[in-house]
Amino acid sequence: GGGLVQAGGSLRLSCAASGRTFSN
């Protein structure tokens, strides 16, 4: 989700996890 944006703008980063106990 990273990238180039002008001041005042918005970005949304995501982090995808692989594993069996992410909720903990």
PDBML (XML) file of the C-alpha atoms, coordinates in Angstrom:
<?xml version="1.0" encoding="UTF-8" ?>
<PDBx:datablock datablockName="MODEL"
   xmlns:PDBx="http://pdbml.pdb.org/schema/pdbx-v50.xsd"
   xmlns:xsi="http://www.w3.org/2001/XMLSchema-instance"
   xsi:schemaLocation="http://pdbml.pdb.org/schema/pdbx-v50.xsd pdbx-v50.xsd">
   <PDBx:atom_siteCategory>
      <PDBx:atom_site id="1">
         <PDBx:B_iso_or_equiv>0.00</PDBx:B_iso_or_equiv>
         <PDBx:Cartn_x>0.000</PDBx:Cartn_x>
         <PDBx:Cartn_y>0.000</PDBx:Cartn_y>
         <PDBx:Cartn_z>0.000</PDBx:Cartn_z>
         <PDBx:auth_asym_id>A</PDBx:auth_asym_id>
         <PDBx:auth_atom_id>CA</PDBx:auth_atom_id>
         <PDBx:auth_comp_id>GLY</PDBx:auth_comp_id>
         <PDBx:auth_seq_id>1</PDBx:auth_seq_id>
         <PDBx:group_PDB>ATOM</PDBx:group_PDB>
         <PDBx:label_alt_id xsi:nil="true" />
         <PDBx:label_asym_id>A</PDBx:label_asym_id>
         <PDBx:label_atom_id>CA</PDBx:label_atom_id>
         <PDBx:label_comp_id>GLY</PDBx:label_comp_id>
         <PDBx:label_entity_id>1</PDBx:label_entity_id>
         <PDBx:label_seq_id>1</PDBx:label_seq_id>
         <PDBx:occupancy>1.00</PDBx:occupancy>
         <PDBx:pdbx_PDB_model_num>1</PDBx:pdbx_PDB_model_num>
         <PDBx:type_symbol>C</PDBx:type_symbol>
      </PDBx:atom_site>
      <PDBx:atom_site id="2">
         <PDBx:B_iso_or_equiv>0.00</PDBx:B_iso_or_equiv>
         <PDBx:Cartn_x>2.959</PDBx:Cartn_x>
         <PDBx:Cartn_y>2.376</PDBx:Cartn_y>
         <PDBx:Cartn_z>0.061</PDBx:Cartn_z>
         <PDBx:auth_asym_id>A</PDBx:auth_asym_id>
         <PDBx:auth_atom_id>CA</PDBx:auth_atom_id>
         <PDBx:auth_comp_id>GLY</PDBx:auth_comp_id>
         <PDBx:auth_seq_id>2</PDBx:auth_seq_id>
         <PDBx:group_PDB>ATOM</PDBx:group_PDB>
         <PDBx:label_alt_id xsi:nil="true" />
         <PDBx:label_asym_id>A</PDBx:label_asym_id>
         <PDBx:label_atom_id>CA</PDBx:label_atom_id>
         <PDBx:label_comp_id>GLY</PDBx:label_comp_id>
         <PDBx:label_entity_id>1</PDBx:label_entity_id>
         <PDBx:label_seq_id>2</PDBx:label_seq_id>
         <PDBx:occupancy>1.00</PDBx:occupancy>
         <PDBx:pdbx_PDB_model_num>1</PDBx:pdbx_PDB_model_num>
         <PDBx:type_symbol>C</PDBx:type_symbol>
      </PDBx:atom_site>
      <PDBx:atom_site id="3">
         <PDBx:B_iso_or_equiv>0.00</PDBx:B_iso_or_equiv>
         <PDBx:Cartn_x>3.601</PDBx:Cartn_x>
         <PDBx:Cartn_y>4.926</PDBx:Cartn_y>
         <PDBx:Cartn_z>-2.651</PDBx:Cartn_z>
         <PDBx:auth_asym_id>A</PDBx:auth_asym_id>
         <PDBx:auth_atom_id>CA</PDBx:auth_atom_id>
         <PDBx:auth_comp_id>GLY</PDBx:auth_comp_id>
         <PDBx:auth_seq_id>3</PDBx:auth_seq_id>
         <PDBx:group_PDB>ATOM</PDBx:group_PDB>
         <PDBx:label_alt_id xsi:nil="true" />
         <PDBx:label_asym_id>A</PDBx:label_asym_id>
         <PDBx:label_atom_id>CA</PDBx:label_atom_id>
         <PDBx:label_comp_id>GLY</PDBx:label_comp_id>
         <PDBx:label_entity_id>1</PDBx:label_entity_id>
         <PDBx:label_seq_id>3</PDBx:label_seq_id>
         <PDBx:occupancy>1.00</PDBx:occupancy>
         <PDBx:pdbx_PDB_model_num>1</PDBx:pdbx_PDB_model_num>
         <PDBx:type_symbol>C</PDBx:type_symbol>
      </PDBx:atom_site>
      <PDBx:atom_site id="4">
         <PDBx:B_iso_or_equiv>0.00</PDBx:B_iso_or_equiv>
         <PDBx:Cartn_x>3.956</PDBx:Cartn_x>
         <PDBx:Cartn_y>8.589</PDBx:Cartn_y>
         <PDBx:Cartn_z>-3.567</PDBx:Cartn_z>
         <PDBx:auth_asym_id>A</PDBx:auth_asym_id>
         <PDBx:auth_atom_id>CA</PDBx:auth_atom_id>
         <PDBx:auth_comp_id>LEU</PDBx:auth_comp_id>
         <PDBx:auth_seq_id>4</PDBx:auth_seq_id>
         <PDBx:group_PDB>ATOM</PDBx:group_PDB>
         <PDBx:label_alt_id xsi:nil="true" />
         <PDBx:label_asym_id>A</PDBx:label_asym_id>
         <PDBx:label_atom_id>CA</PDBx:label_atom_id>
         <PDBx:label_comp_id>LEU</PDBx:label_comp_id>
         <PDBx:label_entity_id>1</PDBx:label_entity_id>
         <PDBx:label_seq_id>4</PDBx:label_seq_id>
         <PDBx:occupancy>1.00</PDBx:occupancy>
         <PDBx:pdbx_PDB_model_num>1</PDBx:pdbx_PDB_model_num>
         <PDBx:type_symbol>C</PDBx:type_symbol>
      </PDBx:atom_site>
      <PDBx:atom_site id="5">
         <PDBx:B_iso_or_equiv>0.00</PDBx:B_iso_or_equiv>
         <PDBx:Cartn_x>1.382</PDBx:Cartn_x>
         <PDBx:Cartn_y>11.111</PDBx:Cartn_y>
         <PDBx:Cartn_z>-2.382</PDBx:Cartn_z>
         <PDBx:auth_asym_id>A</PDBx:auth_asym_id>
         <PDBx:auth_atom_id>CA</PDBx:auth_atom_id>
         <PDBx:auth_comp_id>VAL</PDBx:auth_comp_id>
         <PDBx:auth_seq_id>5</PDBx:auth_seq_id>
         <PDBx:group_PDB>ATOM</PDBx:group_PDB>
         <PDBx:label_alt_id xsi:nil="true" />
         <PDBx:label_asym_id>A</PDBx:label_asym_id>
         <PDBx:label_atom_id>CA</PDBx:label_atom_id>
         <PDBx:label_comp_id>VAL</PDBx:label_comp_id>
         <PDBx:label_entity_id>1</PDBx:label_entity_id>
         <PDBx:label_seq_id>5</PDBx:label_seq_id>
         <PDBx:occupancy>1.00</PDBx:occupancy>
         <PDBx:pdbx_PDB_model_num>1</PDBx:pdbx_PDB_model_num>
         <PDBx:type_symbol>C</PDBx:type_symbol>
      </PDBx:atom_site>
      <PDBx:atom_site id="6">
         <PDBx:B_iso_or_equiv>0.00</PDBx:B_iso_or_equiv>
         <PDBx:Cartn_x>1.172</PDBx:Cartn_x>
         <PDBx:Cartn_y>14.892</PDBx:Cartn_y>
         <PDBx:Cartn_z>-2.091</PDBx:Cartn_z>
         <PDBx:auth_asym_id>A</PDBx:auth_asym_id>
         <PDBx:auth_atom_id>CA</PDBx:auth_atom_id>
         <PDBx:auth_comp_id>GLN</PDBx:auth_comp_id>
         <PDBx:auth_seq_id>6</PDBx:auth_seq_id>
         <PDBx:group_PDB>ATOM</PDBx:group_PDB>
         <PDBx:label_alt_id xsi:nil="true" />
         <PDBx:label_asym_id>A</PDBx:label_asym_id>
         <PDBx:label_atom_id>CA</PDBx:label_atom_id>
         <PDBx:label_comp_id>GLN</PDBx:label_comp_id>
         <PDBx:label_entity_id>1</PDBx:label_entity_id>
         <PDBx:label_seq_id>6</PDBx:label_seq_id>
         <PDBx:occupancy>1.00</PDBx:occupancy>
         <PDBx:pdbx_PDB_model_num>1</PDBx:pdbx_PDB_model_num>
         <PDBx:type_symbol>C</PDBx:type_symbol>
      </PDBx:atom_site>
      <PDBx:atom_site id="7">
         <PDBx:B_iso_or_equiv>0.00</PDBx:B_iso_or_equiv>
         <PDBx:Cartn_x>1.101</PDBx:Cartn_x>
         <PDBx:Cartn_y>16.627</PDBx:Cartn_y>
         <PDBx:Cartn_z>1.277</PDBx:Cartn_z>
         <PDBx:auth_asym_id>A</PDBx:auth_asym_id>
         <PDBx:auth_atom_id>CA</PDBx:auth_atom_id>
         <PDBx:auth_comp_id>ALA</PDBx:auth_comp_id>
         <PDBx:auth_seq_id>7</PDBx:auth_seq_id>
         <PDBx:group_PDB>ATOM</PDBx:group_PDB>
         <PDBx:label_alt_id xsi:nil="true" />
         <PDBx:label_asym_id>A</PDBx:label_asym_id>
         <PDBx:label_atom_id>CA</PDBx:label_atom_id>
         <PDBx:label_comp_id>ALA</PDBx:label_comp_id>
         <PDBx:label_entity_id>1</PDBx:label_entity_id>
         <PDBx:label_seq_id>7</PDBx:label_seq_id>
         <PDBx:occupancy>1.00</PDBx:occupancy>
         <PDBx:pdbx_PDB_model_num>1</PDBx:pdbx_PDB_model_num>
         <PDBx:type_symbol>C</PDBx:type_symbol>
      </PDBx:atom_site>
      <PDBx:atom_site id="8">
         <PDBx:B_iso_or_equiv>0.00</PDBx:B_iso_or_equiv>
         <PDBx:Cartn_x>-2.407</PDBx:Cartn_x>
         <PDBx:Cartn_y>16.589</PDBx:Cartn_y>
         <PDBx:Cartn_z>2.692</PDBx:Cartn_z>
         <PDBx:auth_asym_id>A</PDBx:auth_asym_id>
         <PDBx:auth_atom_id>CA</PDBx:auth_atom_id>
         <PDBx:auth_comp_id>GLY</PDBx:auth_comp_id>
         <PDBx:auth_seq_id>8</PDBx:auth_seq_id>
         <PDBx:group_PDB>ATOM</PDBx:group_PDB>
         <PDBx:label_alt_id xsi:nil="true" />
         <PDBx:label_asym_id>A</PDBx:label_asym_id>
         <PDBx:label_atom_id>CA</PDBx:label_atom_id>
         <PDBx:label_comp_id>GLY</PDBx:label_comp_id>
         <PDBx:label_entity_id>1</PDBx:label_entity_id>
         <PDBx:label_seq_id>8</PDBx:label_seq_id>
         <PDBx:occupancy>1.00</PDBx:occupancy>
         <PDBx:pdbx_PDB_model_num>1</PDBx:pdbx_PDB_model_num>
         <PDBx:type_symbol>C</PDBx:type_symbol>
      </PDBx:atom_site>
      <PDBx:atom_site id="9">
         <PDBx:B_iso_or_equiv>0.00</PDBx:B_iso_or_equiv>
         <PDBx:Cartn_x>-3.274</PDBx:Cartn_x>
         <PDBx:Cartn_y>13.353</PDBx:Cartn_y>
         <PDBx:Cartn_z>0.932</PDBx:Cartn_z>
         <PDBx:auth_asym_id>A</PDBx:auth_asym_id>
         <PDBx:auth_atom_id>CA</PDBx:auth_atom_id>
         <PDBx:auth_comp_id>GLY</PDBx:auth_comp_id>
         <PDBx:auth_seq_id>9</PDBx:auth_seq_id>
         <PDBx:group_PDB>ATOM</PDBx:group_PDB>
         <PDBx:label_alt_id xsi:nil="true" />
         <PDBx:label_asym_id>A</PDBx:label_asym_id>
         <PDBx:label_atom_id>CA</PDBx:label_atom_id>
         <PDBx:label_comp_id>GLY</PDBx:label_comp_id>
         <PDBx:label_entity_id>1</PDBx:label_entity_id>
         <PDBx:label_seq_id>9</PDBx:label_seq_id>
         <PDBx:occupancy>1.00</PDBx:occupancy>
         <PDBx:pdbx_PDB_model_num>1</PDBx:pdbx_PDB_model_num>
         <PDBx:type_symbol>C</PDBx:type_symbol>
      </PDBx:atom_site>
      <PDBx:atom_site id="10">
         <PDBx:B_iso_or_equiv>0.00</PDBx:B_iso_or_equiv>
         <PDBx:Cartn_x>-4.008</PDBx:Cartn_x>
         <PDBx:Cartn_y>9.878</PDBx:Cartn_y>
         <PDBx:Cartn_z>2.268</PDBx:Cartn_z>
         <PDBx:auth_asym_id>A</PDBx:auth_asym_id>
         <PDBx:auth_atom_id>CA</PDBx:auth_atom_id>
         <PDBx:auth_comp_id>SER</PDBx:auth_comp_id>
         <PDBx:auth_seq_id>10</PDBx:auth_seq_id>
         <PDBx:group_PDB>ATOM</PDBx:group_PDB>
         <PDBx:label_alt_id xsi:nil="true" />
         <PDBx:label_asym_id>A</PDBx:label_asym_id>
         <PDBx:label_atom_id>CA</PDBx:label_atom_id>
         <PDBx:label_comp_id>SER</PDBx:label_comp_id>
         <PDBx:label_entity_id>1</PDBx:label_entity_id>
         <PDBx:label_seq_id>10</PDBx:label_seq_id>
         <PDBx:occupancy>1.00</PDBx:occupancy>
         <PDBx:pdbx_PDB_model_num>1</PDBx:pdbx_PDB_model_num>
         <PDBx:type_symbol>C</PDBx:type_symbol>
      </PDBx:atom_site>
      <PDBx:atom_site id="11">
         <PDBx:B_iso_or_equiv>0.00</PDBx:B_iso_or_equiv>
         <PDBx:Cartn_x>-2.660</PDBx:Cartn_x>
         <PDBx:Cartn_y>6.341</PDBx:Cartn_y>
         <PDBx:Cartn_z>2.031</PDBx:Cartn_z>
         <PDBx:auth_asym_id>A</PDBx:auth_asym_id>
         <PDBx:auth_atom_id>CA</PDBx:auth_atom_id>
         <PDBx:auth_comp_id>LEU</PDBx:auth_comp_id>
         <PDBx:auth_seq_id>11</PDBx:auth_seq_id>
         <PDBx:group_PDB>ATOM</PDBx:group_PDB>
         <PDBx:label_alt_id xsi:nil="true" />
         <PDBx:label_asym_id>A</PDBx:label_asym_id>
         <PDBx:label_atom_id>CA</PDBx:label_atom_id>
         <PDBx:label_comp_id>LEU</PDBx:label_comp_id>
         <PDBx:label_entity_id>1</PDBx:label_entity_id>
         <PDBx:label_seq_id>11</PDBx:label_seq_id>
         <PDBx:occupancy>1.00</PDBx:occupancy>
         <PDBx:pdbx_PDB_model_num>1</PDBx:pdbx_PDB_model_num>
         <PDBx:type_symbol>C</PDBx:type_symbol>
      </PDBx:atom_site>
      <PDBx:atom_site id="12">
         <PDBx:B_iso_or_equiv>0.00</PDBx:B_iso_or_equiv>
         <PDBx:Cartn_x>-3.755</PDBx:Cartn_x>
         <PDBx:Cartn_y>3.043</PDBx:Cartn_y>
         <PDBx:Cartn_z>3.549</PDBx:Cartn_z>
         <PDBx:auth_asym_id>A</PDBx:auth_asym_id>
         <PDBx:auth_atom_id>CA</PDBx:auth_atom_id>
         <PDBx:auth_comp_id>ARG</PDBx:auth_comp_id>
         <PDBx:auth_seq_id>12</PDBx:auth_seq_id>
         <PDBx:group_PDB>ATOM</PDBx:group_PDB>
         <PDBx:label_alt_id xsi:nil="true" />
         <PDBx:label_asym_id>A</PDBx:label_asym_id>
         <PDBx:label_atom_id>CA</PDBx:label_atom_id>
         <PDBx:label_comp_id>ARG</PDBx:label_comp_id>
         <PDBx:label_entity_id>1</PDBx:label_entity_id>
         <PDBx:label_seq_id>12</PDBx:label_seq_id>
         <PDBx:occupancy>1.00</PDBx:occupancy>
         <PDBx:pdbx_PDB_model_num>1</PDBx:pdbx_PDB_model_num>
         <PDBx:type_symbol>C</PDBx:type_symbol>
      </PDBx:atom_site>
      <PDBx:atom_site id="13">
         <PDBx:B_iso_or_equiv>0.00</PDBx:B_iso_or_equiv>
         <PDBx:Cartn_x>-1.112</PDBx:Cartn_x>
         <PDBx:Cartn_y>0.457</PDBx:Cartn_y>
         <PDBx:Cartn_z>4.378</PDBx:Cartn_z>
         <PDBx:auth_asym_id>A</PDBx:auth_asym_id>
         <PDBx:auth_atom_id>CA</PDBx:auth_atom_id>
         <PDBx:auth_comp_id>LEU</PDBx:auth_comp_id>
         <PDBx:auth_seq_id>13</PDBx:auth_seq_id>
         <PDBx:group_PDB>ATOM</PDBx:group_PDB>
         <PDBx:label_alt_id xsi:nil="true" />
         <PDBx:label_asym_id>A</PDBx:label_asym_id>
         <PDBx:label_atom_id>CA</PDBx:label_atom_id>
         <PDBx:label_comp_id>LEU</PDBx:label_comp_id>
         <PDBx:label_entity_id>1</PDBx:label_entity_id>
         <PDBx:label_seq_id>13</PDBx:label_seq_id>
         <PDBx:occupancy>1.00</PDBx:occupancy>
         <PDBx:pdbx_PDB_model_num>1</PDBx:pdbx_PDB_model_num>
         <PDBx:type_symbol>C</PDBx:type_symbol>
      </PDBx:atom_site>
      <PDBx:atom_site id="14">
         <PDBx:B_iso_or_equiv>0.00</PDBx:B_iso_or_equiv>
         <PDBx:Cartn_x>-1.921</PDBx:Cartn_x>
         <PDBx:Cartn_y>-3.226</PDBx:Cartn_y>
         <PDBx:Cartn_z>4.803</PDBx:Cartn_z>
         <PDBx:auth_asym_id>A</PDBx:auth_asym_id>
         <PDBx:auth_atom_id>CA</PDBx:auth_atom_id>
         <PDBx:auth_comp_id>SER</PDBx:auth_comp_id>
         <PDBx:auth_seq_id>14</PDBx:auth_seq_id>
         <PDBx:group_PDB>ATOM</PDBx:group_PDB>
         <PDBx:label_alt_id xsi:nil="true" />
         <PDBx:label_asym_id>A</PDBx:label_asym_id>
         <PDBx:label_atom_id>CA</PDBx:label_atom_id>
         <PDBx:label_comp_id>SER</PDBx:label_comp_id>
         <PDBx:label_entity_id>1</PDBx:label_entity_id>
         <PDBx:label_seq_id>14</PDBx:label_seq_id>
         <PDBx:occupancy>1.00</PDBx:occupancy>
         <PDBx:pdbx_PDB_model_num>1</PDBx:pdbx_PDB_model_num>
         <PDBx:type_symbol>C</PDBx:type_symbol>
      </PDBx:atom_site>
      <PDBx:atom_site id="15">
         <PDBx:B_iso_or_equiv>0.00</PDBx:B_iso_or_equiv>
         <PDBx:Cartn_x>-0.025</PDBx:Cartn_x>
         <PDBx:Cartn_y>-5.974</PDBx:Cartn_y>
         <PDBx:Cartn_z>6.595</PDBx:Cartn_z>
         <PDBx:auth_asym_id>A</PDBx:auth_asym_id>
         <PDBx:auth_atom_id>CA</PDBx:auth_atom_id>
         <PDBx:auth_comp_id>CYS</PDBx:auth_comp_id>
         <PDBx:auth_seq_id>15</PDBx:auth_seq_id>
         <PDBx:group_PDB>ATOM</PDBx:group_PDB>
         <PDBx:label_alt_id xsi:nil="true" />
         <PDBx:label_asym_id>A</PDBx:label_asym_id>
         <PDBx:label_atom_id>CA</PDBx:label_atom_id>
         <PDBx:label_comp_id>CYS</PDBx:label_comp_id>
         <PDBx:label_entity_id>1</PDBx:label_entity_id>
         <PDBx:label_seq_id>15</PDBx:label_seq_id>
         <PDBx:occupancy>1.00</PDBx:occupancy>
         <PDBx:pdbx_PDB_model_num>1</PDBx:pdbx_PDB_model_num>
         <PDBx:type_symbol>C</PDBx:type_symbol>
      </PDBx:atom_site>
      <PDBx:atom_site id="16">
         <PDBx:B_iso_or_equiv>0.00</PDBx:B_iso_or_equiv>
         <PDBx:Cartn_x>-0.991</PDBx:Cartn_x>
         <PDBx:Cartn_y>-9.537</PDBx:Cartn_y>
         <PDBx:Cartn_z>5.726</PDBx:Cartn_z>
         <PDBx:auth_asym_id>A</PDBx:auth_asym_id>
         <PDBx:auth_atom_id>CA</PDBx:auth_atom_id>
         <PDBx:auth_comp_id>ALA</PDBx:auth_comp_id>
         <PDBx:auth_seq_id>16</PDBx:auth_seq_id>
         <PDBx:group_PDB>ATOM</PDBx:group_PDB>
         <PDBx:label_alt_id xsi:nil="true" />
         <PDBx:label_asym_id>A</PDBx:label_asym_id>
         <PDBx:label_atom_id>CA</PDBx:label_atom_id>
         <PDBx:label_comp_id>ALA</PDBx:label_comp_id>
         <PDBx:label_entity_id>1</PDBx:label_entity_id>
         <PDBx:label_seq_id>16</PDBx:label_seq_id>
         <PDBx:occupancy>1.00</PDBx:occupancy>
         <PDBx:pdbx_PDB_model_num>1</PDBx:pdbx_PDB_model_num>
         <PDBx:type_symbol>C</PDBx:type_symbol>
      </PDBx:atom_site>
      <PDBx:atom_site id="17">
         <PDBx:B_iso_or_equiv>0.00</PDBx:B_iso_or_equiv>
         <PDBx:Cartn_x>0.000</PDBx:Cartn_x>
         <PDBx:Cartn_y>-12.205</PDBx:Cartn_y>
         <PDBx:Cartn_z>8.236</PDBx:Cartn_z>
         <PDBx:auth_asym_id>A</PDBx:auth_asym_id>
         <PDBx:auth_atom_id>CA</PDBx:auth_atom_id>
         <PDBx:auth_comp_id>ALA</PDBx:auth_comp_id>
         <PDBx:auth_seq_id>17</PDBx:auth_seq_id>
         <PDBx:group_PDB>ATOM</PDBx:group_PDB>
         <PDBx:label_alt_id xsi:nil="true" />
         <PDBx:label_asym_id>A</PDBx:label_asym_id>
         <PDBx:label_atom_id>CA</PDBx:label_atom_id>
         <PDBx:label_comp_id>ALA</PDBx:label_comp_id>
         <PDBx:label_entity_id>1</PDBx:label_entity_id>
         <PDBx:label_seq_id>17</PDBx:label_seq_id>
         <PDBx:occupancy>1.00</PDBx:occupancy>
         <PDBx:pdbx_PDB_model_num>1</PDBx:pdbx_PDB_model_num>
         <PDBx:type_symbol>C</PDBx:type_symbol>
      </PDBx:atom_site>
      <PDBx:atom_site id="18">
         <PDBx:B_iso_or_equiv>0.00</PDBx:B_iso_or_equiv>
         <PDBx:Cartn_x>0.400</PDBx:Cartn_x>
         <PDBx:Cartn_y>-15.927</PDBx:Cartn_y>
         <PDBx:Cartn_z>7.741</PDBx:Cartn_z>
         <PDBx:auth_asym_id>A</PDBx:auth_asym_id>
         <PDBx:auth_atom_id>CA</PDBx:auth_atom_id>
         <PDBx:auth_comp_id>SER</PDBx:auth_comp_id>
         <PDBx:auth_seq_id>18</PDBx:auth_seq_id>
         <PDBx:group_PDB>ATOM</PDBx:group_PDB>
         <PDBx:label_alt_id xsi:nil="true" />
         <PDBx:label_asym_id>A</PDBx:label_asym_id>
         <PDBx:label_atom_id>CA</PDBx:label_atom_id>
         <PDBx:label_comp_id>SER</PDBx:label_comp_id>
         <PDBx:label_entity_id>1</PDBx:label_entity_id>
         <PDBx:label_seq_id>18</PDBx:label_seq_id>
         <PDBx:occupancy>1.00</PDBx:occupancy>
         <PDBx:pdbx_PDB_model_num>1</PDBx:pdbx_PDB_model_num>
         <PDBx:type_symbol>C</PDBx:type_symbol>
      </PDBx:atom_site>
      <PDBx:atom_site id="19">
         <PDBx:B_iso_or_equiv>0.00</PDBx:B_iso_or_equiv>
         <PDBx:Cartn_x>0.193</PDBx:Cartn_x>
         <PDBx:Cartn_y>-18.099</PDBx:Cartn_y>
         <PDBx:Cartn_z>10.826</PDBx:Cartn_z>
         <PDBx:auth_asym_id>A</PDBx:auth_asym_id>
         <PDBx:auth_atom_id>CA</PDBx:auth_atom_id>
         <PDBx:auth_comp_id>GLY</PDBx:auth_comp_id>
         <PDBx:auth_seq_id>19</PDBx:auth_seq_id>
         <PDBx:group_PDB>ATOM</PDBx:group_PDB>
         <PDBx:label_alt_id xsi:nil="true" />
         <PDBx:label_asym_id>A</PDBx:label_asym_id>
         <PDBx:label_atom_id>CA</PDBx:label_atom_id>
         <PDBx:label_comp_id>GLY</PDBx:label_comp_id>
         <PDBx:label_entity_id>1</PDBx:label_entity_id>
         <PDBx:label_seq_id>19</PDBx:label_seq_id>
         <PDBx:occupancy>1.00</PDBx:occupancy>
         <PDBx:pdbx_PDB_model_num>1</PDBx:pdbx_PDB_model_num>
         <PDBx:type_symbol>C</PDBx:type_symbol>
      </PDBx:atom_site>
      <PDBx:atom_site id="20">
         <PDBx:B_iso_or_equiv>0.00</PDBx:B_iso_or_equiv>
         <PDBx:Cartn_x>-2.189</PDBx:Cartn_x>
         <PDBx:Cartn_y>-20.155</PDBx:Cartn_y>
         <PDBx:Cartn_z>12.900</PDBx:Cartn_z>
         <PDBx:auth_asym_id>A</PDBx:auth_asym_id>
         <PDBx:auth_atom_id>CA</PDBx:auth_atom_id>
         <PDBx:auth_comp_id>ARG</PDBx:auth_comp_id>
         <PDBx:auth_seq_id>20</PDBx:auth_seq_id>
         <PDBx:group_PDB>ATOM</PDBx:group_PDB>
         <PDBx:label_alt_id xsi:nil="true" />
         <PDBx:label_asym_id>A</PDBx:label_asym_id>
         <PDBx:label_atom_id>CA</PDBx:label_atom_id>
         <PDBx:label_comp_id>ARG</PDBx:label_comp_id>
         <PDBx:label_entity_id>1</PDBx:label_entity_id>
         <PDBx:label_seq_id>20</PDBx:label_seq_id>
         <PDBx:occupancy>1.00</PDBx:occupancy>
         <PDBx:pdbx_PDB_model_num>1</PDBx:pdbx_PDB_model_num>
         <PDBx:type_symbol>C</PDBx:type_symbol>
      </PDBx:atom_site>
      <PDBx:atom_site id="21">
         <PDBx:B_iso_or_equiv>0.00</PDBx:B_iso_or_equiv>
         <PDBx:Cartn_x>-2.509</PDBx:Cartn_x>
         <PDBx:Cartn_y>-17.846</PDBx:Cartn_y>
         <PDBx:Cartn_z>15.949</PDBx:Cartn_z>
         <PDBx:auth_asym_id>A</PDBx:auth_asym_id>
         <PDBx:auth_atom_id>CA</PDBx:auth_atom_id>
         <PDBx:auth_comp_id>THR</PDBx:auth_comp_id>
         <PDBx:auth_seq_id>21</PDBx:auth_seq_id>
         <PDBx:group_PDB>ATOM</PDBx:group_PDB>
         <PDBx:label_alt_id xsi:nil="true" />
         <PDBx:label_asym_id>A</PDBx:label_asym_id>
         <PDBx:label_atom_id>CA</PDBx:label_atom_id>
         <PDBx:label_comp_id>THR</PDBx:label_comp_id>
         <PDBx:label_entity_id>1</PDBx:label_entity_id>
         <PDBx:label_seq_id>21</PDBx:label_seq_id>
         <PDBx:occupancy>1.00</PDBx:occupancy>
         <PDBx:pdbx_PDB_model_num>1</PDBx:pdbx_PDB_model_num>
         <PDBx:type_symbol>C</PDBx:type_symbol>
      </PDBx:atom_site>
      <PDBx:atom_site id="22">
         <PDBx:B_iso_or_equiv>0.00</PDBx:B_iso_or_equiv>
         <PDBx:Cartn_x>-2.789</PDBx:Cartn_x>
         <PDBx:Cartn_y>-14.336</PDBx:Cartn_y>
         <PDBx:Cartn_z>14.471</PDBx:Cartn_z>
         <PDBx:auth_asym_id>A</PDBx:auth_asym_id>
         <PDBx:auth_atom_id>CA</PDBx:auth_atom_id>
         <PDBx:auth_comp_id>PHE</PDBx:auth_comp_id>
         <PDBx:auth_seq_id>22</PDBx:auth_seq_id>
         <PDBx:group_PDB>ATOM</PDBx:group_PDB>
         <PDBx:label_alt_id xsi:nil="true" />
         <PDBx:label_asym_id>A</PDBx:label_asym_id>
         <PDBx:label_atom_id>CA</PDBx:label_atom_id>
         <PDBx:label_comp_id>PHE</PDBx:label_comp_id>
         <PDBx:label_entity_id>1</PDBx:label_entity_id>
         <PDBx:label_seq_id>22</PDBx:label_seq_id>
         <PDBx:occupancy>1.00</PDBx:occupancy>
         <PDBx:pdbx_PDB_model_num>1</PDBx:pdbx_PDB_model_num>
         <PDBx:type_symbol>C</PDBx:type_symbol>
      </PDBx:atom_site>
      <PDBx:atom_site id="23">
         <PDBx:B_iso_or_equiv>0.00</PDBx:B_iso_or_equiv>
         <PDBx:Cartn_x>-5.678</PDBx:Cartn_x>
         <PDBx:Cartn_y>-13.466</PDBx:Cartn_y>
         <PDBx:Cartn_z>16.792</PDBx:Cartn_z>
         <PDBx:auth_asym_id>A</PDBx:auth_asym_id>
         <PDBx:auth_atom_id>CA</PDBx:auth_atom_id>
         <PDBx:auth_comp_id>SER</PDBx:auth_comp_id>
         <PDBx:auth_seq_id>23</PDBx:auth_seq_id>
         <PDBx:group_PDB>ATOM</PDBx:group_PDB>
         <PDBx:label_alt_id xsi:nil="true" />
         <PDBx:label_asym_id>A</PDBx:label_asym_id>
         <PDBx:label_atom_id>CA</PDBx:label_atom_id>
         <PDBx:label_comp_id>SER</PDBx:label_comp_id>
         <PDBx:label_entity_id>1</PDBx:label_entity_id>
         <PDBx:label_seq_id>23</PDBx:label_seq_id>
         <PDBx:occupancy>1.00</PDBx:occupancy>
         <PDBx:pdbx_PDB_model_num>1</PDBx:pdbx_PDB_model_num>
         <PDBx:type_symbol>C</PDBx:type_symbol>
      </PDBx:atom_site>
      <PDBx:atom_site id="24">
         <PDBx:B_iso_or_equiv>0.00</PDBx:B_iso_or_equiv>
         <PDBx:Cartn_x>-3.320</PDBx:Cartn_x>
         <PDBx:Cartn_y>-13.824</PDBx:Cartn_y>
         <PDBx:Cartn_z>19.786</PDBx:Cartn_z>
         <PDBx:auth_asym_id>A</PDBx:auth_asym_id>
         <PDBx:auth_atom_id>CA</PDBx:auth_atom_id>
         <PDBx:auth_comp_id>ASN</PDBx:auth_comp_id>
         <PDBx:auth_seq_id>24</PDBx:auth_seq_id>
         <PDBx:group_PDB>ATOM</PDBx:group_PDB>
         <PDBx:label_alt_id xsi:nil="true" />
         <PDBx:label_asym_id>A</PDBx:label_asym_id>
         <PDBx:label_atom_id>CA</PDBx:label_atom_id>
         <PDBx:label_comp_id>ASN</PDBx:label_comp_id>
         <PDBx:label_entity_id>1</PDBx:label_entity_id>
         <PDBx:label_seq_id>24</PDBx:label_seq_id>
         <PDBx:occupancy>1.00</PDBx:occupancy>
         <PDBx:pdbx_PDB_model_num>1</PDBx:pdbx_PDB_model_num>
         <PDBx:type_symbol>C</PDBx:type_symbol>
      </PDBx:atom_site>
   </PDBx:atom_siteCategory>
</PDBx:datablock>
